[in-house]
Structures are given as C-alpha cells and as structure tokens.
Amino acid sequence: MDDADSGQMRPVPDRLLEAAKVCFLADDYHDVSTRRIADEAKVNVSMIRYYFGSKEGLYEEMIRRTLVPLLEVLDGEMLTTPEGFTEYLRLYYLTMQGNPEFPRLILKVLALKHGPGRRFIQQLLERGRTRGAKRIEDMKHKGMVRASVDADVLRLSFVSLAMTPILLKEIFEEQMERPMDSGFLESLARFNGQLLAAGLASLAVTPEEITP
C-alpha cells in the first residue's frame, strides 16, 4: 500500500485536519477556501460542515487538538509543586517537536488582527491564565511561594521559557550547529524546570515569616 492509499484509509476528520494545517500554513485564513481544503484531503467539501460545522470550526479544532492536552495538565497534579514545571516543560517541548509546523501556524494566526484563530487562542490562553492563577494561590497557601508573588509575572516567565526555544528553533540550531533533538530538549526542560523551581524556592515562606 503506497502513501496515497494509506492516506485514503485514515478517518475523514483526521484527513481534513491535516489538509487544513497544510493549507493554512501556506496562506492566510481568509485566503483558504473549504473547497481547497476538501481537495487536499480528497473528500467531498460537505464533509467539513458535517464534521466541523464550518471552516471556522475546522480551524479551531485544528488548534484545539494541539493545545488542549497541554492546558488539561492544569487540572491534574503535575503543577502542584515547583518541580512539576520540569515535567510540564518536557511535555510542551515534546508536543511541539511532534508538531514542528505548529509554532509557525500560531504566529500566522496572531498576525491577524481579527479572525477565529486569534480569538480561539486568546480563549485558550485565558483558560490557562485562570487555571494557572489558581495553582499559584494553592502554592501560596502551602507556603511554597510568598503571597507577594505576581501570578501574571510568573506565568509570563514560564511561557517565555517554554515558547522561545520552539519559536526560534531553526535559528538556535544554526547558531549552535547542533540539532535541538529529543535529548537536547530533555536537558533544556530539566534545566529550565530546575531554574523555575529554584526561583520559587527562593520566594518560599521562611519559618521566621510564619506567624504562630
């Protein structure tokens, strides 16, 4: 079975999502038609409405499938301690490594002042902000960080450590003359996670600060 036959065997929603990614990476959202996506996926254009409701629905599902697993971690136990940052960064780096075109797609989405992709990403980021703030409050109550720690500052610090290596990956690889492969990203996740943990530990409540 060749690649074309193998592609035809994949579920229609998966083929449409992959075709959408190819098309939206090549051109801006408003320049991509549903007909073009359907032709790329080798399905009837009516399948977009059947599975996703509209081009906008397909676009948002394409983004959601990549980002939501990362956001859902905020509901679990991974980020209940400073050390959990290492595990989250590892998950983020490996997720992006498995979707190398995704950072470019996000930049294209954010470049549009108006559009469903930008609005949807803002909604996901706000979801992450709300859940992250709750985690920080829990850490404050446990004495892991001082009450004065600004949750937004911590979140932006974390996002910077997560996103910058991925967004500038090709430039960094040329500069270092080495690939940012799984081994490199593992080391980076461990280093950045420890960096965050050490920073938070320095902001932890000391015994002297605990009132009897």
N, C-alpha and C. Protein backbone atom coordinates (compact mmCIF):
# COMPACT_ATOMS: atom_id res chain seq x y z
N MET A 1 0.86 -1.20 0.00
CA MET A 1 0.00 0.00 0.00
C MET A 1 0.89 1.25 0.00
N ASP A 2 0.69 2.16 -0.99
CA ASP A 2 1.51 3.37 -1.02
C ASP A 2 0.93 4.43 -0.10
N ASP A 3 1.66 5.57 -0.02
CA ASP A 3 1.25 6.63 0.90
C ASP A 3 -0.13 7.18 0.57
N ALA A 4 -0.44 7.27 -0.73
CA ALA A 4 -1.74 7.82 -1.13
C ALA A 4 -2.87 6.92 -0.65
N ASP A 5 -2.69 5.59 -0.84
CA ASP A 5 -3.72 4.66 -0.38
C ASP A 5 -3.84 4.69 1.14
N SER A 6 -2.69 4.80 1.81
CA SER A 6 -2.70 4.85 3.26
C SER A 6 -3.45 6.08 3.75
N GLY A 7 -3.25 7.22 3.05
CA GLY A 7 -3.95 8.45 3.43
C GLY A 7 -5.45 8.31 3.28
N GLN A 8 -5.86 7.60 2.22
CA GLN A 8 -7.29 7.41 1.97
C GLN A 8 -7.94 6.57 3.06
N MET A 9 -7.15 5.73 3.73
CA MET A 9 -7.68 4.86 4.76
C MET A 9 -7.87 5.58 6.09
N ARG A 10 -7.26 6.72 6.25
CA ARG A 10 -7.37 7.46 7.50
C ARG A 10 -8.78 8.02 7.65
N PRO A 11 -9.25 8.20 8.90
CA PRO A 11 -10.58 8.77 9.11
C PRO A 11 -10.69 10.15 8.45
N VAL A 12 -11.86 10.44 7.92
CA VAL A 12 -12.08 11.70 7.21
C VAL A 12 -11.74 12.92 8.08
N PRO A 13 -12.17 12.97 9.37
CA PRO A 13 -11.83 14.15 10.18
C PRO A 13 -10.32 14.37 10.28
N ASP A 14 -9.56 13.29 10.42
CA ASP A 14 -8.10 13.42 10.52
C ASP A 14 -7.52 13.94 9.22
N ARG A 15 -8.05 13.47 8.10
CA ARG A 15 -7.56 13.93 6.80
C ARG A 15 -7.87 15.41 6.60
N LEU A 16 -9.04 15.83 7.04
CA LEU A 16 -9.41 17.24 6.91
C LEU A 16 -8.54 18.12 7.80
N LEU A 17 -8.25 17.66 9.01
CA LEU A 17 -7.42 18.44 9.93
C LEU A 17 -6.00 18.58 9.37
N GLU A 18 -5.47 17.51 8.82
CA GLU A 18 -4.13 17.56 8.24
C GLU A 18 -4.12 18.46 7.01
N ALA A 19 -5.15 18.36 6.18
CA ALA A 19 -5.24 19.19 4.98
C ALA A 19 -5.38 20.67 5.37
N ALA A 20 -6.15 20.94 6.41
CA ALA A 20 -6.32 22.32 6.88
C ALA A 20 -4.98 22.89 7.32
N LYS A 21 -4.20 22.08 8.03
CA LYS A 21 -2.90 22.55 8.50
C LYS A 21 -2.00 22.91 7.33
N VAL A 22 -1.99 22.06 6.30
CA VAL A 22 -1.18 22.32 5.11
C VAL A 22 -1.61 23.62 4.44
N CYS A 23 -2.90 23.79 4.29
CA CYS A 23 -3.43 24.97 3.58
C CYS A 23 -3.23 26.25 4.38
N PHE A 24 -3.51 26.20 5.67
CA PHE A 24 -3.40 27.41 6.49
C PHE A 24 -1.96 27.82 6.73
N LEU A 25 -1.03 26.87 6.64
CA LEU A 25 0.38 27.23 6.73
C LEU A 25 0.84 27.93 5.45
N ALA A 26 0.24 27.54 4.34
CA ALA A 26 0.64 28.10 3.05
C ALA A 26 0.07 29.50 2.84
N ASP A 27 -1.17 29.74 3.34
CA ASP A 27 -1.83 31.02 3.11
C ASP A 27 -2.61 31.44 4.34
N ASP A 28 -2.99 32.72 4.37
CA ASP A 28 -3.77 33.25 5.50
C ASP A 28 -5.17 32.63 5.50
N TYR A 29 -5.78 32.69 6.67
CA TYR A 29 -7.09 32.07 6.89
C TYR A 29 -8.11 32.46 5.82
N HIS A 30 -8.22 33.76 5.54
CA HIS A 30 -9.25 34.25 4.63
C HIS A 30 -8.97 33.89 3.17
N ASP A 31 -7.74 33.46 2.87
CA ASP A 31 -7.39 33.10 1.50
C ASP A 31 -7.54 31.61 1.22
N VAL A 32 -7.95 30.86 2.25
CA VAL A 32 -8.10 29.41 2.10
C VAL A 32 -9.58 29.07 2.03
N SER A 33 -10.01 28.42 0.97
CA SER A 33 -11.41 28.05 0.81
C SER A 33 -11.65 26.63 1.32
N THR A 34 -12.91 26.35 1.64
CA THR A 34 -13.25 24.99 2.07
C THR A 34 -13.05 24.01 0.91
N ARG A 35 -13.28 24.46 -0.29
CA ARG A 35 -13.07 23.60 -1.45
C ARG A 35 -11.62 23.18 -1.55
N ARG A 36 -10.73 24.11 -1.31
CA ARG A 36 -9.30 23.81 -1.38
C ARG A 36 -8.91 22.78 -0.31
N ILE A 37 -9.42 22.96 0.90
CA ILE A 37 -9.12 22.01 1.98
C ILE A 37 -9.66 20.63 1.63
N ALA A 38 -10.89 20.59 1.14
CA ALA A 38 -11.50 19.31 0.78
C ALA A 38 -10.72 18.61 -0.33
N ASP A 39 -10.27 19.37 -1.31
CA ASP A 39 -9.48 18.79 -2.40
C ASP A 39 -8.16 18.23 -1.87
N GLU A 40 -7.55 18.96 -0.95
CA GLU A 40 -6.29 18.50 -0.35
C GLU A 40 -6.50 17.20 0.42
N ALA A 41 -7.65 17.10 1.10
CA ALA A 41 -7.98 15.90 1.88
C ALA A 41 -8.57 14.79 1.03
N LYS A 42 -8.92 15.14 -0.23
CA LYS A 42 -9.54 14.17 -1.16
C LYS A 42 -10.88 13.66 -0.61
N VAL A 43 -11.70 14.62 -0.15
CA VAL A 43 -13.04 14.29 0.33
C VAL A 43 -14.01 15.31 -0.25
N ASN A 44 -15.30 15.02 -0.11
CA ASN A 44 -16.32 15.96 -0.54
C ASN A 44 -16.35 17.16 0.40
N VAL A 45 -16.52 18.35 -0.14
CA VAL A 45 -16.49 19.57 0.68
C VAL A 45 -17.57 19.56 1.75
N SER A 46 -18.64 18.82 1.55
CA SER A 46 -19.72 18.76 2.53
C SER A 46 -19.26 18.12 3.85
N MET A 47 -18.15 17.37 3.80
CA MET A 47 -17.64 16.71 4.99
C MET A 47 -17.13 17.72 6.03
N ILE A 48 -16.73 18.90 5.58
CA ILE A 48 -16.27 19.93 6.52
C ILE A 48 -17.43 20.38 7.40
N ARG A 49 -18.57 20.65 6.77
CA ARG A 49 -19.75 21.05 7.54
C ARG A 49 -20.25 19.89 8.41
N TYR A 50 -20.20 18.68 7.88
CA TYR A 50 -20.69 17.51 8.61
C TYR A 50 -19.91 17.28 9.90
N TYR A 51 -18.58 17.37 9.82
CA TYR A 51 -17.75 17.05 10.98
C TYR A 51 -17.41 18.27 11.85
N PHE A 52 -17.31 19.45 11.22
CA PHE A 52 -16.81 20.61 11.97
C PHE A 52 -17.75 21.82 11.95
N GLY A 53 -18.82 21.74 11.20
CA GLY A 53 -19.78 22.83 11.16
C GLY A 53 -19.45 23.92 10.15
N SER A 54 -18.17 24.25 10.02
CA SER A 54 -17.75 25.33 9.13
C SER A 54 -16.23 25.34 9.03
N LYS A 55 -15.72 26.22 8.17
CA LYS A 55 -14.27 26.39 8.07
C LYS A 55 -13.71 26.87 9.41
N GLU A 56 -14.44 27.76 10.05
CA GLU A 56 -14.00 28.28 11.35
C GLU A 56 -13.92 27.14 12.38
N GLY A 57 -14.92 26.27 12.37
CA GLY A 57 -14.91 25.15 13.30
C GLY A 57 -13.74 24.21 13.05
N LEU A 58 -13.43 23.97 11.79
CA LEU A 58 -12.29 23.12 11.43
C LEU A 58 -10.99 23.77 11.89
N TYR A 59 -10.87 25.06 11.68
CA TYR A 59 -9.68 25.81 12.06
C TYR A 59 -9.45 25.74 13.57
N GLU A 60 -10.51 25.95 14.32
CA GLU A 60 -10.39 25.94 15.78
C GLU A 60 -10.09 24.54 16.30
N GLU A 61 -10.67 23.52 15.69
CA GLU A 61 -10.40 22.15 16.13
C GLU A 61 -8.94 21.78 15.85
N MET A 62 -8.41 22.27 14.76
CA MET A 62 -7.00 22.02 14.42
C MET A 62 -6.09 22.58 15.51
N ILE A 63 -6.39 23.76 16.00
CA ILE A 63 -5.60 24.37 17.07
C ILE A 63 -5.87 23.67 18.40
N ARG A 64 -7.13 23.38 18.66
CA ARG A 64 -7.51 22.78 19.94
C ARG A 64 -6.82 21.45 20.18
N ARG A 65 -6.75 20.63 19.13
CA ARG A 65 -6.16 19.29 19.29
C ARG A 65 -4.71 19.34 19.72
N THR A 66 -4.02 20.41 19.36
CA THR A 66 -2.62 20.53 19.75
C THR A 66 -2.45 21.17 21.12
N LEU A 67 -3.24 22.19 21.42
CA LEU A 67 -3.05 22.96 22.65
C LEU A 67 -3.77 22.40 23.87
N VAL A 68 -4.95 21.87 23.68
CA VAL A 68 -5.76 21.47 24.83
C VAL A 68 -5.08 20.43 25.72
N PRO A 69 -4.40 19.41 25.16
CA PRO A 69 -3.72 18.46 26.06
C PRO A 69 -2.75 19.14 27.00
N LEU A 70 -2.11 20.22 26.56
CA LEU A 70 -1.20 20.95 27.43
C LEU A 70 -1.95 21.70 28.51
N LEU A 71 -3.10 22.27 28.16
CA LEU A 71 -3.88 23.01 29.13
C LEU A 71 -4.55 22.08 30.14
N GLU A 72 -4.90 20.88 29.70
CA GLU A 72 -5.58 19.96 30.61
C GLU A 72 -4.68 19.50 31.75
N VAL A 73 -3.38 19.64 31.56
CA VAL A 73 -2.45 19.30 32.63
C VAL A 73 -2.72 20.16 33.86
N LEU A 74 -3.23 21.36 33.63
CA LEU A 74 -3.51 22.27 34.74
C LEU A 74 -4.59 21.72 35.67
N ASP A 75 -5.36 20.76 35.19
CA ASP A 75 -6.38 20.14 36.04
C ASP A 75 -5.82 19.00 36.87
N GLY A 76 -4.61 18.56 36.51
CA GLY A 76 -4.02 17.42 37.20
C GLY A 76 -3.10 17.84 38.33
N GLU A 77 -2.19 16.93 38.69
CA GLU A 77 -1.30 17.15 39.82
C GLU A 77 0.09 17.62 39.42
N MET A 78 0.37 17.69 38.11
CA MET A 78 1.73 17.96 37.67
C MET A 78 2.26 19.30 38.18
N LEU A 79 1.42 20.32 38.18
CA LEU A 79 1.88 21.66 38.57
C LEU A 79 1.50 22.04 39.99
N THR A 80 1.40 21.06 40.86
CA THR A 80 1.09 21.35 42.26
C THR A 80 2.36 21.61 43.08
N THR A 81 3.52 21.38 42.49
CA THR A 81 4.79 21.64 43.16
C THR A 81 5.72 22.35 42.18
N PRO A 82 6.72 23.08 42.67
CA PRO A 82 7.67 23.73 41.76
C PRO A 82 8.37 22.74 40.83
N GLU A 83 8.64 21.53 41.32
CA GLU A 83 9.33 20.54 40.49
C GLU A 83 8.49 20.11 39.28
N GLY A 84 7.18 20.28 39.38
CA GLY A 84 6.30 19.89 38.28
C GLY A 84 6.53 20.70 37.03
N PHE A 85 7.20 21.86 37.16
CA PHE A 85 7.47 22.67 35.97
C PHE A 85 8.36 21.91 34.99
N THR A 86 9.28 21.10 35.50
CA THR A 86 10.15 20.33 34.61
C THR A 86 9.32 19.38 33.76
N GLU A 87 8.38 18.68 34.39
CA GLU A 87 7.55 17.73 33.66
C GLU A 87 6.69 18.44 32.62
N TYR A 88 6.17 19.61 32.98
CA TYR A 88 5.32 20.34 32.03
C TYR A 88 6.14 20.84 30.85
N LEU A 89 7.32 21.37 31.13
CA LEU A 89 8.18 21.85 30.04
C LEU A 89 8.58 20.70 29.13
N ARG A 90 8.86 19.54 29.71
CA ARG A 90 9.19 18.37 28.90
C ARG A 90 8.01 18.02 27.98
N LEU A 91 6.81 18.02 28.54
CA LEU A 91 5.61 17.72 27.76
C LEU A 91 5.43 18.74 26.64
N TYR A 92 5.63 20.01 26.95
CA TYR A 92 5.45 21.07 25.96
C TYR A 92 6.47 20.93 24.83
N TYR A 93 7.74 20.77 25.19
CA TYR A 93 8.78 20.67 24.16
C TYR A 93 8.54 19.47 23.25
N LEU A 94 8.20 18.33 23.84
CA LEU A 94 8.00 17.12 23.03
C LEU A 94 6.74 17.23 22.18
N THR A 95 5.70 17.90 22.71
CA THR A 95 4.48 18.11 21.92
C THR A 95 4.79 18.98 20.71
N MET A 96 5.54 20.05 20.91
CA MET A 96 5.89 20.93 19.81
C MET A 96 6.85 20.25 18.83
N GLN A 97 7.73 19.38 19.37
CA GLN A 97 8.63 18.65 18.48
C GLN A 97 7.84 17.73 17.55
N GLY A 98 6.76 17.16 18.08
CA GLY A 98 5.91 16.30 17.27
C GLY A 98 5.03 17.07 16.30
N ASN A 99 4.94 18.39 16.49
CA ASN A 99 4.15 19.26 15.61
C ASN A 99 5.01 20.46 15.21
N PRO A 100 6.11 20.23 14.48
CA PRO A 100 7.08 21.29 14.21
C PRO A 100 6.52 22.49 13.45
N GLU A 101 5.42 22.27 12.72
CA GLU A 101 4.85 23.38 11.97
C GLU A 101 3.92 24.24 12.82
N PHE A 102 3.58 23.77 14.00
CA PHE A 102 2.56 24.46 14.79
C PHE A 102 2.98 25.86 15.25
N PRO A 103 4.21 26.08 15.74
CA PRO A 103 4.61 27.44 16.12
C PRO A 103 4.46 28.44 14.98
N ARG A 104 4.79 28.02 13.75
CA ARG A 104 4.62 28.91 12.61
C ARG A 104 3.15 29.23 12.38
N LEU A 105 2.30 28.23 12.58
CA LEU A 105 0.87 28.45 12.41
C LEU A 105 0.34 29.44 13.43
N ILE A 106 0.79 29.31 14.67
CA ILE A 106 0.37 30.22 15.73
C ILE A 106 0.77 31.65 15.40
N LEU A 107 1.99 31.83 14.89
CA LEU A 107 2.44 33.17 14.52
C LEU A 107 1.57 33.75 13.41
N LYS A 108 1.18 32.92 12.46
CA LYS A 108 0.30 33.39 11.39
C LYS A 108 -1.06 33.78 11.94
N VAL A 109 -1.55 33.00 12.89
CA VAL A 109 -2.85 33.29 13.50
C VAL A 109 -2.80 34.63 14.23
N LEU A 110 -1.76 34.82 15.04
CA LEU A 110 -1.66 36.02 15.85
C LEU A 110 -1.37 37.27 15.01
N ALA A 111 -0.85 37.06 13.82
CA ALA A 111 -0.58 38.21 12.94
C ALA A 111 -1.86 38.84 12.43
N LEU A 112 -2.95 38.06 12.44
CA LEU A 112 -4.24 38.60 12.03
C LEU A 112 -4.89 39.34 13.19
N LYS A 113 -5.29 40.56 12.94
CA LYS A 113 -5.93 41.35 14.00
C LYS A 113 -7.29 40.79 14.37
N HIS A 114 -7.96 40.23 13.39
CA HIS A 114 -9.28 39.67 13.63
C HIS A 114 -9.35 38.31 12.95
N GLY A 115 -10.05 37.41 13.56
CA GLY A 115 -10.19 36.09 12.97
C GLY A 115 -10.46 35.06 14.04
N PRO A 116 -11.05 33.95 13.65
CA PRO A 116 -11.44 32.92 14.62
C PRO A 116 -10.24 32.29 15.31
N GLY A 117 -9.12 32.13 14.58
CA GLY A 117 -7.96 31.52 15.20
C GLY A 117 -7.41 32.35 16.34
N ARG A 118 -7.27 33.64 16.10
CA ARG A 118 -6.74 34.54 17.14
C ARG A 118 -7.66 34.55 18.34
N ARG A 119 -8.96 34.65 18.11
CA ARG A 119 -9.93 34.68 19.20
C ARG A 119 -9.89 33.38 20.01
N PHE A 120 -9.77 32.27 19.30
CA PHE A 120 -9.76 30.98 19.97
C PHE A 120 -8.50 30.81 20.81
N ILE A 121 -7.35 31.22 20.27
CA ILE A 121 -6.10 31.12 21.03
C ILE A 121 -6.17 32.00 22.27
N GLN A 122 -6.76 33.20 22.13
CA GLN A 122 -6.93 34.07 23.29
C GLN A 122 -7.78 33.40 24.36
N GLN A 123 -8.81 32.69 23.93
CA GLN A 123 -9.68 31.99 24.88
C GLN A 123 -8.91 30.88 25.59
N LEU A 124 -8.08 30.15 24.85
CA LEU A 124 -7.30 29.09 25.45
C LEU A 124 -6.26 29.65 26.42
N LEU A 125 -5.63 30.76 26.04
CA LEU A 125 -4.64 31.38 26.92
C LEU A 125 -5.29 31.91 28.19
N GLU A 126 -6.49 32.44 28.06
CA GLU A 126 -7.20 32.94 29.25
C GLU A 126 -7.58 31.77 30.15
N ARG A 127 -7.94 30.66 29.53
CA ARG A 127 -8.22 29.46 30.32
C ARG A 127 -6.98 29.03 31.10
N GLY A 128 -5.83 29.04 30.41
CA GLY A 128 -4.59 28.70 31.09
C GLY A 128 -4.24 29.69 32.17
N ARG A 129 -4.50 30.98 31.91
CA ARG A 129 -4.21 32.01 32.91
C ARG A 129 -5.04 31.81 34.17
N THR A 130 -6.33 31.53 33.99
CA THR A 130 -7.22 31.34 35.14
C THR A 130 -6.81 30.13 35.96
N ARG A 131 -6.53 29.03 35.28
CA ARG A 131 -6.15 27.81 35.99
C ARG A 131 -4.78 27.95 36.63
N GLY A 132 -3.86 28.62 35.92
CA GLY A 132 -2.53 28.83 36.48
C GLY A 132 -2.58 29.69 37.72
N ALA A 133 -3.43 30.71 37.70
CA ALA A 133 -3.56 31.59 38.87
C ALA A 133 -4.06 30.81 40.08
N LYS A 134 -4.96 29.88 39.84
CA LYS A 134 -5.46 29.04 40.93
C LYS A 134 -4.34 28.18 41.51
N ARG A 135 -3.49 27.64 40.63
CA ARG A 135 -2.36 26.85 41.10
C ARG A 135 -1.43 27.69 41.97
N ILE A 136 -1.17 28.91 41.54
CA ILE A 136 -0.28 29.78 42.31
C ILE A 136 -0.88 30.08 43.68
N GLU A 137 -2.19 30.30 43.72
CA GLU A 137 -2.84 30.55 45.00
C GLU A 137 -2.70 29.35 45.92
N ASP A 138 -2.84 28.14 45.36
CA ASP A 138 -2.67 26.93 46.16
C ASP A 138 -1.25 26.85 46.72
N MET A 139 -0.27 27.20 45.88
CA MET A 139 1.13 27.18 46.33
C MET A 139 1.38 28.22 47.40
N LYS A 140 0.70 29.35 47.31
CA LYS A 140 0.84 30.38 48.34
C LYS A 140 0.28 29.89 49.67
N HIS A 141 -0.87 29.24 49.62
CA HIS A 141 -1.48 28.74 50.85
C HIS A 141 -0.61 27.68 51.51
N LYS A 142 0.16 26.93 50.71
CA LYS A 142 1.03 25.89 51.25
C LYS A 142 2.39 26.43 51.66
N GLY A 143 2.61 27.74 51.47
CA GLY A 143 3.88 28.33 51.85
C GLY A 143 4.99 28.10 50.85
N MET A 144 4.65 27.59 49.65
CA MET A 144 5.68 27.33 48.64
C MET A 144 6.20 28.61 48.02
N VAL A 145 5.36 29.63 47.95
CA VAL A 145 5.78 30.95 47.47
C VAL A 145 5.12 32.01 48.34
N ARG A 146 5.73 33.17 48.38
CA ARG A 146 5.18 34.26 49.19
C ARG A 146 3.90 34.81 48.56
N ALA A 147 3.10 35.42 49.37
CA ALA A 147 1.83 35.99 48.91
C ALA A 147 2.04 37.12 47.92
N SER A 148 3.23 37.73 47.95
CA SER A 148 3.51 38.87 47.08
C SER A 148 3.84 38.47 45.64
N VAL A 149 4.01 37.17 45.38
CA VAL A 149 4.36 36.73 44.02
C VAL A 149 3.22 37.04 43.06
N ASP A 150 3.55 37.71 41.97
CA ASP A 150 2.56 38.09 40.96
C ASP A 150 2.35 36.91 40.01
N ALA A 151 1.15 36.38 39.98
CA ALA A 151 0.87 35.20 39.16
C ALA A 151 1.09 35.47 37.68
N ASP A 152 0.79 36.69 37.22
CA ASP A 152 0.98 37.00 35.80
C ASP A 152 2.46 37.06 35.45
N VAL A 153 3.28 37.60 36.34
CA VAL A 153 4.72 37.66 36.10
C VAL A 153 5.30 36.25 36.01
N LEU A 154 4.88 35.40 36.94
CA LEU A 154 5.35 34.02 36.93
C LEU A 154 4.90 33.30 35.66
N ARG A 155 3.66 33.53 35.26
CA ARG A 155 3.13 32.87 34.07
C ARG A 155 3.91 33.30 32.83
N LEU A 156 4.19 34.59 32.69
CA LEU A 156 4.92 35.06 31.52
C LEU A 156 6.35 34.56 31.52
N SER A 157 6.95 34.45 32.68
CA SER A 157 8.29 33.87 32.78
C SER A 157 8.28 32.43 32.29
N PHE A 158 7.28 31.70 32.73
CA PHE A 158 7.15 30.29 32.34
C PHE A 158 6.90 30.16 30.83
N VAL A 159 5.98 30.98 30.31
CA VAL A 159 5.66 30.92 28.88
C VAL A 159 6.88 31.27 28.04
N SER A 160 7.67 32.24 28.50
CA SER A 160 8.88 32.62 27.77
C SER A 160 9.86 31.46 27.69
N LEU A 161 10.06 30.77 28.80
CA LEU A 161 10.97 29.63 28.81
C LEU A 161 10.45 28.49 27.93
N ALA A 162 9.14 28.38 27.85
CA ALA A 162 8.55 27.30 27.05
C ALA A 162 8.57 27.63 25.56
N MET A 163 8.12 28.81 25.19
CA MET A 163 7.88 29.12 23.78
C MET A 163 9.10 29.58 23.00
N THR A 164 9.98 30.37 23.64
CA THR A 164 11.10 30.95 22.90
C THR A 164 11.98 29.91 22.21
N PRO A 165 12.40 28.83 22.89
CA PRO A 165 13.24 27.83 22.20
C PRO A 165 12.55 27.20 20.99
N ILE A 166 11.22 27.06 21.06
CA ILE A 166 10.50 26.43 19.96
C ILE A 166 10.31 27.40 18.80
N LEU A 167 9.95 28.64 19.11
CA LEU A 167 9.71 29.62 18.05
C LEU A 167 11.00 29.96 17.29
N LEU A 168 12.13 29.93 17.99
CA LEU A 168 13.41 30.29 17.37
C LEU A 168 14.29 29.06 17.13
N LYS A 169 13.67 27.90 17.07
CA LYS A 169 14.41 26.65 16.99
C LYS A 169 15.39 26.61 15.82
N GLU A 170 14.96 26.96 14.63
CA GLU A 170 15.83 26.88 13.47
C GLU A 170 17.03 27.82 13.61
N ILE A 171 16.79 29.02 14.13
CA ILE A 171 17.88 29.99 14.31
C ILE A 171 18.88 29.47 15.34
N PHE A 172 18.37 28.95 16.47
CA PHE A 172 19.24 28.43 17.50
C PHE A 172 20.08 27.25 16.98
N GLU A 173 19.47 26.39 16.20
CA GLU A 173 20.19 25.23 15.67
C GLU A 173 21.31 25.66 14.74
N GLU A 174 21.06 26.66 13.91
CA GLU A 174 22.11 27.18 13.02
C GLU A 174 23.23 27.79 13.84
N GLN A 175 22.86 28.53 14.87
CA GLN A 175 23.84 29.22 15.70
C GLN A 175 24.71 28.24 16.48
N MET A 176 24.06 27.20 17.04
CA MET A 176 24.78 26.23 17.86
C MET A 176 25.45 25.15 17.03
N GLU A 177 25.02 25.03 15.77
CA GLU A 177 25.50 23.97 14.88
C GLU A 177 25.27 22.60 15.50
N ARG A 178 24.09 22.43 16.05
CA ARG A 178 23.67 21.14 16.62
C ARG A 178 22.16 21.10 16.63
N PRO A 179 21.58 19.92 16.52
CA PRO A 179 20.11 19.82 16.48
C PRO A 179 19.49 19.92 17.87
N MET A 180 18.34 20.54 17.93
CA MET A 180 17.56 20.55 19.18
C MET A 180 16.65 19.33 19.14
N ASP A 181 17.28 18.15 19.31
CA ASP A 181 16.55 16.91 19.23
C ASP A 181 15.95 16.55 20.59
N SER A 182 15.42 15.34 20.72
CA SER A 182 14.76 14.93 21.96
C SER A 182 15.70 15.00 23.16
N GLY A 183 16.96 14.59 22.95
CA GLY A 183 17.93 14.63 24.04
C GLY A 183 18.21 16.05 24.49
N PHE A 184 18.36 16.95 23.52
CA PHE A 184 18.62 18.35 23.85
C PHE A 184 17.43 18.96 24.58
N LEU A 185 16.22 18.70 24.08
CA LEU A 185 15.02 19.25 24.70
C LEU A 185 14.79 18.68 26.10
N GLU A 186 15.18 17.45 26.31
CA GLU A 186 15.09 16.85 27.64
C GLU A 186 16.00 17.60 28.61
N SER A 187 17.23 17.88 28.18
CA SER A 187 18.16 18.63 29.02
C SER A 187 17.66 20.05 29.27
N LEU A 188 17.09 20.66 28.24
CA LEU A 188 16.58 22.02 28.38
C LEU A 188 15.40 22.07 29.34
N ALA A 189 14.50 21.08 29.24
CA ALA A 189 13.35 21.02 30.14
C ALA A 189 13.82 20.86 31.59
N ARG A 190 14.81 20.00 31.79
CA ARG A 190 15.31 19.77 33.14
C ARG A 190 15.97 21.04 33.70
N PHE A 191 16.78 21.70 32.87
CA PHE A 191 17.46 22.92 33.32
C PHE A 191 16.46 24.03 33.63
N ASN A 192 15.54 24.29 32.70
CA ASN A 192 14.57 25.36 32.90
C ASN A 192 13.63 25.05 34.06
N GLY A 193 13.27 23.78 34.21
CA GLY A 193 12.42 23.39 35.32
C GLY A 193 13.10 23.62 36.65
N GLN A 194 14.38 23.26 36.73
CA GLN A 194 15.15 23.48 37.95
C GLN A 194 15.35 24.96 38.22
N LEU A 195 15.51 25.71 37.13
CA LEU A 195 15.66 27.17 37.26
C LEU A 195 14.41 27.78 37.89
N LEU A 196 13.24 27.38 37.40
CA LEU A 196 11.99 27.87 37.96
C LEU A 196 11.79 27.40 39.40
N ALA A 197 12.09 26.14 39.64
CA ALA A 197 11.93 25.59 40.99
C ALA A 197 12.82 26.32 41.98
N ALA A 198 14.07 26.60 41.57
CA ALA A 198 15.00 27.31 42.45
C ALA A 198 14.51 28.74 42.70
N GLY A 199 13.99 29.36 41.64
CA GLY A 199 13.47 30.71 41.81
C GLY A 199 12.30 30.76 42.76
N LEU A 200 11.40 29.79 42.63
CA LEU A 200 10.25 29.74 43.53
C LEU A 200 10.67 29.39 44.95
N ALA A 201 11.68 28.52 45.08
CA ALA A 201 12.16 28.16 46.41
C ALA A 201 12.72 29.37 47.13
N SER A 202 13.35 30.26 46.36
CA SER A 202 13.90 31.48 46.98
C SER A 202 12.80 32.43 47.41
N LEU A 203 11.60 32.21 46.87
CA LEU A 203 10.46 33.04 47.23
C LEU A 203 9.53 32.34 48.22
N ALA A 204 9.96 31.18 48.70
CA ALA A 204 9.12 30.44 49.64
C ALA A 204 9.06 31.15 50.99
N VAL A 205 8.00 30.88 51.71
CA VAL A 205 7.84 31.46 53.04
C VAL A 205 8.83 30.78 53.99
N THR A 206 9.60 31.57 54.72
CA THR A 206 10.57 31.03 55.68
C THR A 206 9.88 30.79 57.02
N PRO A 207 10.45 29.92 57.86
CA PRO A 207 9.86 29.67 59.18
C PRO A 207 9.67 30.95 59.99
N GLU A 208 10.60 31.89 59.83
CA GLU A 208 10.51 33.13 60.60
C GLU A 208 9.31 33.98 60.19
N GLU A 209 8.85 33.76 58.92
CA GLU A 209 7.72 34.55 58.43
C GLU A 209 6.37 33.95 58.82
N ILE A 210 6.39 32.72 59.31
CA ILE A 210 5.14 32.08 59.69
C ILE A 210 4.73 32.54 61.08
N THR A 211 3.60 33.16 61.16
CA THR A 211 3.13 33.66 62.46
C THR A 211 2.50 32.54 63.24
N PRO A 212 2.80 32.44 64.57
CA PRO A 212 2.22 31.38 65.37
C PRO A 212 0.71 31.53 65.52
